[in-house]
């Protein structure tokens, strides 16, 4: 759970890359959650809760910044 601080911005960046490559925006939150779970599986003891938390935090961070900026 401690690595969420580092992982969340990385997930946001990877989702942004996927968006610029052409992935439809409706799939971006799903991609963020999948990346969070994949990170949890590959680099931590596999905990689906930690992966879900990382992915959902990335989605929330992205949408919160988007709402604040007003785009």
PDB file of N, CA and C in Angstrom:
ATOM      1  N   UNK A   1       0.822  -1.189   0.000  1.00  0.00           N
ATOM      2  CA  UNK A   1       0.000   0.000   0.000  1.00  0.00           C
ATOM      3  C   UNK A   1       0.866   1.254   0.000  1.00  0.00           C
ATOM      4  N   UNK A   2       2.089   1.162   0.523  1.00  0.00           N
ATOM      5  CA  UNK A   2       2.950   2.336   0.583  1.00  0.00           C
ATOM      6  C   UNK A   2       3.381   2.793  -0.804  1.00  0.00           C
ATOM      7  N   UNK A   3       3.428   1.884  -1.760  1.00  0.00           N
ATOM      8  CA  UNK A   3       3.904   2.242  -3.087  1.00  0.00           C
ATOM      9  C   UNK A   3       2.856   2.984  -3.913  1.00  0.00           C
ATOM     10  N   UNK A   4       1.633   3.118  -3.403  1.00  0.00           N
ATOM     11  CA  UNK A   4       0.589   3.826  -4.151  1.00  0.00           C
ATOM     12  C   UNK A   4       1.001   5.248  -4.479  1.00  0.00           C
ATOM     13  N   UNK A   5       1.777   5.870  -3.613  1.00  0.00           N
ATOM     14  CA  UNK A   5       2.214   7.237  -3.843  1.00  0.00           C
ATOM     15  C   UNK A   5       3.038   7.347  -5.117  1.00  0.00           C
ATOM     16  N   UNK A   6       3.801   6.344  -5.405  1.00  0.00           N
ATOM     17  CA  UNK A   6       4.645   6.339  -6.602  1.00  0.00           C
ATOM     18  C   UNK A   6       3.892   5.781  -7.800  1.00  0.00           C
ATOM     19  N   UNK A   7       3.085   4.780  -7.575  1.00  0.00           N
ATOM     20  CA  UNK A   7       2.428   4.068  -8.662  1.00  0.00           C
ATOM     21  C   UNK A   7       1.327   4.901  -9.321  1.00  0.00           C
ATOM     22  N   UNK A   8       0.576   5.644  -8.547  1.00  0.00           N
ATOM     23  CA  UNK A   8      -0.577   6.378  -9.091  1.00  0.00           C
ATOM     24  C   UNK A   8      -0.161   7.356 -10.191  1.00  0.00           C
ATOM     25  N   UNK A   9       0.858   8.197 -10.005  1.00  0.00           N
ATOM     26  CA  UNK A   9       1.240   9.091 -11.116  1.00  0.00           C
ATOM     27  C   UNK A   9       1.749   8.333 -12.341  1.00  0.00           C
ATOM     28  N   UNK A  10       2.374   7.189 -12.120  1.00  0.00           N
ATOM     29  CA  UNK A  10       2.835   6.386 -13.249  1.00  0.00           C
ATOM     30  C   UNK A  10       1.641   5.852 -14.034  1.00  0.00           C
ATOM     31  N   UNK A  11       0.617   5.382 -13.321  1.00  0.00           N
ATOM     32  CA  UNK A  11      -0.592   4.897 -13.995  1.00  0.00           C
ATOM     33  C   UNK A  11      -1.265   6.031 -14.755  1.00  0.00           C
ATOM     34  N   UNK A  12      -1.344   7.202 -14.146  1.00  0.00           N
ATOM     35  CA  UNK A  12      -1.945   8.359 -14.832  1.00  0.00           C
ATOM     36  C   UNK A  12      -1.175   8.654 -16.120  1.00  0.00           C
ATOM     37  N   UNK A  13       0.144   8.607 -16.055  1.00  0.00           N
ATOM     38  CA  UNK A  13       0.956   8.852 -17.250  1.00  0.00           C
ATOM     39  C   UNK A  13       0.746   7.809 -18.327  1.00  0.00           C
ATOM     40  N   UNK A  14       0.677   6.543 -17.937  1.00  0.00           N
ATOM     41  CA  UNK A  14       0.457   5.480 -18.921  1.00  0.00           C
ATOM     42  C   UNK A  14      -0.925   5.578 -19.549  1.00  0.00           C
ATOM     43  N   UNK A  15      -1.912   5.945 -18.762  1.00  0.00           N
ATOM     44  CA  UNK A  15      -3.264   6.124 -19.308  1.00  0.00           C
ATOM     45  C   UNK A  15      -3.285   7.310 -20.271  1.00  0.00           C
ATOM     46  N   UNK A  16      -2.563   8.353 -19.948  1.00  0.00           N
ATOM     47  CA  UNK A  16      -2.484   9.510 -20.849  1.00  0.00           C
ATOM     48  C   UNK A  16      -1.827   9.113 -22.175  1.00  0.00           C
ATOM     49  N   UNK A  17      -0.798   8.302 -22.111  1.00  0.00           N
ATOM     50  CA  UNK A  17      -0.155   7.819 -23.337  1.00  0.00           C
ATOM     51  C   UNK A  17      -1.149   7.010 -24.166  1.00  0.00           C
ATOM     52  N   UNK A  18      -1.898   6.128 -23.502  1.00  0.00           N
ATOM     53  CA  UNK A  18      -2.897   5.319 -24.210  1.00  0.00           C
ATOM     54  C   UNK A  18      -3.956   6.203 -24.857  1.00  0.00           C
ATOM     55  N   UNK A  19      -4.320   7.274 -24.170  1.00  0.00           N
ATOM     56  CA  UNK A  19      -5.319   8.199 -24.724  1.00  0.00           C
ATOM     57  C   UNK A  19      -4.784   8.883 -25.974  1.00  0.00           C
ATOM     58  N   UNK A  20      -3.538   9.293 -25.932  1.00  0.00           N
ATOM     59  CA  UNK A  20      -2.945   9.978 -27.083  1.00  0.00           C
ATOM     60  C   UNK A  20      -2.698   9.031 -28.254  1.00  0.00           C
ATOM     61  N   UNK A  21      -2.514   7.748 -27.945  1.00  0.00           N
ATOM     62  CA  UNK A  21      -2.320   6.757 -29.005  1.00  0.00           C
ATOM     63  C   UNK A  21      -3.634   6.469 -29.723  1.00  0.00           C
ATOM     64  N   UNK A  22      -4.755   6.682 -29.033  1.00  0.00           N
ATOM     65  CA  UNK A  22      -6.035   6.515 -29.695  1.00  0.00           C
ATOM     66  C   UNK A  22      -7.024   5.605 -28.998  1.00  0.00           C
ATOM     67  N   UNK A  23      -6.729   5.174 -27.780  1.00  0.00           N
ATOM     68  CA  UNK A  23      -7.683   4.351 -27.036  1.00  0.00           C
ATOM     69  C   UNK A  23      -8.912   5.195 -26.715  1.00  0.00           C
ATOM     70  N   UNK A  24     -10.107   4.674 -26.982  1.00  0.00           N
ATOM     71  CA  UNK A  24     -11.321   5.451 -26.675  1.00  0.00           C
ATOM     72  C   UNK A  24     -11.398   5.814 -25.192  1.00  0.00           C
ATOM     73  N   UNK A  25     -11.868   7.017 -24.913  1.00  0.00           N
ATOM     74  CA  UNK A  25     -11.863   7.524 -23.539  1.00  0.00           C
ATOM     75  C   UNK A  25     -12.740   6.706 -22.600  1.00  0.00           C
ATOM     76  N   UNK A  26     -13.727   6.008 -23.123  1.00  0.00           N
ATOM     77  CA  UNK A  26     -14.585   5.213 -22.237  1.00  0.00           C
ATOM     78  C   UNK A  26     -13.845   4.020 -21.636  1.00  0.00           C
ATOM     79  N   UNK A  27     -12.710   3.622 -22.224  1.00  0.00           N
ATOM     80  CA  UNK A  27     -11.938   2.501 -21.709  1.00  0.00           C
ATOM     81  C   UNK A  27     -10.795   2.930 -20.786  1.00  0.00           C
ATOM     82  N   UNK A  28     -10.543   4.211 -20.657  1.00  0.00           N
ATOM     83  CA  UNK A  28      -9.414   4.687 -19.857  1.00  0.00           C
ATOM     84  C   UNK A  28      -9.522   4.328 -18.374  1.00  0.00           C
ATOM     85  N   UNK A  29     -10.678   4.488 -17.728  1.00  0.00           N
ATOM     86  CA  UNK A  29     -10.755   4.064 -16.324  1.00  0.00           C
ATOM     87  C   UNK A  29     -10.505   2.563 -16.145  1.00  0.00           C
ATOM     88  N   UNK A  30     -11.005   1.762 -17.054  1.00  0.00           N
ATOM     89  CA  UNK A  30     -10.762   0.318 -16.990  1.00  0.00           C
ATOM     90  C   UNK A  30      -9.275   0.027 -17.146  1.00  0.00           C
ATOM     91  N   UNK A  31      -8.615   0.726 -18.047  1.00  0.00           N
ATOM     92  CA  UNK A  31      -7.176   0.548 -18.227  1.00  0.00           C
ATOM     93  C   UNK A  31      -6.423   0.905 -16.957  1.00  0.00           C
ATOM     94  N   UNK A  32      -6.821   1.980 -16.293  1.00  0.00           N
ATOM     95  CA  UNK A  32      -6.157   2.392 -15.055  1.00  0.00           C
ATOM     96  C   UNK A  32      -6.284   1.311 -13.982  1.00  0.00           C
ATOM     97  N   UNK A  33      -7.453   0.725 -13.853  1.00  0.00           N
ATOM     98  CA  UNK A  33      -7.657  -0.327 -12.858  1.00  0.00           C
ATOM     99  C   UNK A  33      -6.850  -1.568 -13.229  1.00  0.00           C
ATOM    100  N   UNK A  34      -6.832  -1.920 -14.503  1.00  0.00           N
ATOM    101  CA  UNK A  34      -6.056  -3.083 -14.949  1.00  0.00           C
ATOM    102  C   UNK A  34      -4.566  -2.849 -14.697  1.00  0.00           C
ATOM    103  N   UNK A  35      -4.084  -1.651 -14.966  1.00  0.00           N
ATOM    104  CA  UNK A  35      -2.677  -1.345 -14.697  1.00  0.00           C
ATOM    105  C   UNK A  35      -2.364  -1.405 -13.202  1.00  0.00           C
ATOM    106  N   UNK A  36      -3.288  -0.945 -12.385  1.00  0.00           N
ATOM    107  CA  UNK A  36      -3.085  -1.031 -10.942  1.00  0.00           C
ATOM    108  C   UNK A  36      -3.007  -2.467 -10.465  1.00  0.00           C
ATOM    109  N   UNK A  37      -3.893  -3.311 -10.970  1.00  0.00           N
ATOM    110  CA  UNK A  37      -3.874  -4.726 -10.586  1.00  0.00           C
ATOM    111  C   UNK A  37      -2.615  -5.401 -11.128  1.00  0.00           C
ATOM    112  N   UNK A  38      -2.232  -5.075 -12.359  1.00  0.00           N
ATOM    113  CA  UNK A  38      -1.011  -5.649 -12.930  1.00  0.00           C
ATOM    114  C   UNK A  38       0.213  -5.252 -12.118  1.00  0.00           C
ATOM    115  N   UNK A  39       0.264  -4.002 -11.693  1.00  0.00           N
ATOM    116  CA  UNK A  39       1.378  -3.560 -10.852  1.00  0.00           C
ATOM    117  C   UNK A  39       1.408  -4.338  -9.544  1.00  0.00           C
ATOM    118  N   UNK A  40       0.267  -4.510  -8.962  1.00  0.00           N
ATOM    119  CA  UNK A  40       0.183  -5.251  -7.705  1.00  0.00           C
ATOM    120  C   UNK A  40       0.638  -6.694  -7.898  1.00  0.00           C
ATOM    121  N   UNK A  41       0.285  -7.269  -9.020  1.00  0.00           N
ATOM    122  CA  UNK A  41       0.649  -8.655  -9.291  1.00  0.00           C
ATOM    123  C   UNK A  41       2.137  -8.794  -9.595  1.00  0.00           C
ATOM    124  N   UNK A  42       2.690  -7.864 -10.370  1.00  0.00           N
ATOM    125  CA  UNK A  42       4.074  -7.992 -10.817  1.00  0.00           C
ATOM    126  C   UNK A  42       5.107  -7.545  -9.782  1.00  0.00           C
ATOM    127  N   UNK A  43       4.796  -6.504  -9.028  1.00  0.00           N
ATOM    128  CA  UNK A  43       5.826  -5.899  -8.191  1.00  0.00           C
ATOM    129  C   UNK A  43       5.576  -6.001  -6.697  1.00  0.00           C
ATOM    130  N   UNK A  44       4.403  -6.393  -6.290  1.00  0.00           N
ATOM    131  CA  UNK A  44       4.091  -6.527  -4.867  1.00  0.00           C
ATOM    132  C   UNK A  44       3.580  -7.927  -4.625  1.00  0.00           C
ATOM    133  N   UNK A  45       3.354  -8.251  -3.381  1.00  0.00           N
ATOM    134  CA  UNK A  45       2.616  -9.467  -3.114  1.00  0.00           C
ATOM    135  C   UNK A  45       1.256  -9.224  -3.715  1.00  0.00           C
ATOM    136  N   UNK A  46       0.755 -10.175  -4.468  1.00  0.00           N
ATOM    137  CA  UNK A  46      -0.494  -9.943  -5.183  1.00  0.00           C
ATOM    138  C   UNK A  46      -1.620  -9.667  -4.211  1.00  0.00           C
ATOM    139  N   UNK A  47      -2.128  -8.481  -4.264  1.00  0.00           N
ATOM    140  CA  UNK A  47      -3.279  -8.089  -3.472  1.00  0.00           C
ATOM    141  C   UNK A  47      -4.211  -7.316  -4.396  1.00  0.00           C
ATOM    142  N   UNK A  48      -5.305  -7.936  -4.734  1.00  0.00           N
ATOM    143  CA  UNK A  48      -6.223  -7.296  -5.676  1.00  0.00           C
ATOM    144  C   UNK A  48      -6.771  -5.987  -5.110  1.00  0.00           C
ATOM    145  N   UNK A  49      -6.888  -5.901  -3.805  1.00  0.00           N
ATOM    146  CA  UNK A  49      -7.379  -4.656  -3.185  1.00  0.00           C
ATOM    147  C   UNK A  49      -6.382  -3.530  -3.416  1.00  0.00           C
ATOM    148  N   UNK A  50      -5.090  -3.794  -3.209  1.00  0.00           N
ATOM    149  CA  UNK A  50      -4.078  -2.761  -3.448  1.00  0.00           C
ATOM    150  C   UNK A  50      -4.081  -2.322  -4.908  1.00  0.00           C
ATOM    151  N   UNK A  51      -4.233  -3.282  -5.820  1.00  0.00           N
ATOM    152  CA  UNK A  51      -4.276  -2.943  -7.232  1.00  0.00           C
ATOM    153  C   UNK A  51      -5.490  -2.106  -7.590  1.00  0.00           C
ATOM    154  N   UNK A  52      -6.641  -2.484  -7.045  1.00  0.00           N
ATOM    155  CA  UNK A  52      -7.855  -1.699  -7.287  1.00  0.00           C
ATOM    156  C   UNK A  52      -7.722  -0.293  -6.725  1.00  0.00           C
ATOM    157  N   UNK A  53      -7.160  -0.196  -5.527  1.00  0.00           N
ATOM    158  CA  UNK A  53      -6.980   1.119  -4.904  1.00  0.00           C
ATOM    159  C   UNK A  53      -6.070   1.989  -5.759  1.00  0.00           C
ATOM    160  N   UNK A  54      -4.974   1.429  -6.250  1.00  0.00           N
ATOM    161  CA  UNK A  54      -4.055   2.201  -7.091  1.00  0.00           C
ATOM    162  C   UNK A  54      -4.744   2.680  -8.364  1.00  0.00           C
ATOM    163  N   UNK A  55      -5.451   1.783  -9.022  1.00  0.00           N
ATOM    164  CA  UNK A  55      -6.138   2.155 -10.258  1.00  0.00           C
ATOM    165  C   UNK A  55      -7.222   3.183 -10.035  1.00  0.00           C
ATOM    166  N   UNK A  56      -8.018   2.989  -8.990  1.00  0.00           N
ATOM    167  CA  UNK A  56      -9.096   3.937  -8.716  1.00  0.00           C
ATOM    168  C   UNK A  56      -8.557   5.287  -8.249  1.00  0.00           C
ATOM    169  N   UNK A  57      -7.440   5.278  -7.520  1.00  0.00           N
ATOM    170  CA  UNK A  57      -6.823   6.548  -7.138  1.00  0.00           C
ATOM    171  C   UNK A  57      -6.339   7.299  -8.372  1.00  0.00           C
ATOM    172  N   UNK A  58      -5.799   6.572  -9.337  1.00  0.00           N
ATOM    173  CA  UNK A  58      -5.328   7.208 -10.574  1.00  0.00           C
ATOM    174  C   UNK A  58      -6.497   7.819 -11.340  1.00  0.00           C
ATOM    175  N   UNK A  59      -7.614   7.104 -11.409  1.00  0.00           N
ATOM    176  CA  UNK A  59      -8.804   7.635 -12.092  1.00  0.00           C
ATOM    177  C   UNK A  59      -9.299   8.881 -11.368  1.00  0.00           C
ATOM    178  N   UNK A  60      -9.350   8.832 -10.055  1.00  0.00           N
ATOM    179  CA  UNK A  60      -9.810   9.980  -9.275  1.00  0.00           C
ATOM    180  C   UNK A  60      -8.884  11.167  -9.391  1.00  0.00           C
ATOM    181  N   UNK A  61      -7.583  10.919  -9.386  1.00  0.00           N
ATOM    182  CA  UNK A  61      -6.617  12.002  -9.536  1.00  0.00           C
ATOM    183  C   UNK A  61      -6.787  12.668 -10.886  1.00  0.00           C
ATOM    184  N   UNK A  62      -6.913  11.869 -11.928  1.00  0.00           N
ATOM    185  CA  UNK A  62      -7.072  12.411 -13.271  1.00  0.00           C
ATOM    186  C   UNK A  62      -8.349  13.233 -13.398  1.00  0.00           C
ATOM    187  N   UNK A  63      -9.458  12.687 -12.924  1.00  0.00           N
ATOM    188  CA  UNK A  63     -10.732  13.409 -13.068  1.00  0.00           C
ATOM    189  C   UNK A  63     -10.781  14.635 -12.160  1.00  0.00           C
ATOM    190  N   UNK A  64     -10.132  14.566 -10.995  1.00  0.00           N
ATOM    191  CA  UNK A  64     -10.109  15.724 -10.105  1.00  0.00           C
ATOM    192  C   UNK A  64      -9.321  16.872 -10.696  1.00  0.00           C
ATOM    193  N   UNK A  65      -8.190  16.572 -11.287  1.00  0.00           N
ATOM    194  CA  UNK A  65      -7.383  17.622 -11.930  1.00  0.00           C
ATOM    195  C   UNK A  65      -8.121  18.158 -13.146  1.00  0.00           C
ATOM    196  N   UNK A  66      -8.750  17.277 -13.895  1.00  0.00           N
ATOM    197  CA  UNK A  66      -9.491  17.715 -15.090  1.00  0.00           C
ATOM    198  C   UNK A  66     -10.620  18.657 -14.696  1.00  0.00           C
ATOM    199  N   UNK A  67     -11.332  18.363 -13.609  1.00  0.00           N
ATOM    200  CA  UNK A  67     -12.429  19.215 -13.152  1.00  0.00           C
ATOM    201  C   UNK A  67     -11.904  20.548 -12.633  1.00  0.00           C
ATOM    202  N   UNK A  68     -10.752  20.518 -11.972  1.00  0.00           N
ATOM    203  CA  UNK A  68     -10.178  21.753 -11.425  1.00  0.00           C
ATOM    204  C   UNK A  68      -9.702  22.687 -12.521  1.00  0.00           C
ATOM    205  N   UNK A  69      -9.105  22.111 -13.546  1.00  0.00           N
ATOM    206  CA  UNK A  69      -8.591  22.924 -14.642  1.00  0.00           C
ATOM    207  C   UNK A  69      -9.725  23.419 -15.517  1.00  0.00           C
ATOM    208  N   UNK A  70     -10.793  22.636 -15.623  1.00  0.00           N
ATOM    209  CA  UNK A  70     -11.959  23.074 -16.380  1.00  0.00           C
ATOM    210  C   UNK A  70     -11.933  22.695 -17.835  1.00  0.00           C
ATOM    211  N   UNK A  71     -11.177  21.673 -18.207  1.00  0.00           N
ATOM    212  CA  UNK A  71     -11.129  21.250 -19.611  1.00  0.00           C
ATOM    213  C   UNK A  71     -12.235  20.290 -19.900  1.00  0.00           C
TER     214      UNK A  71
END
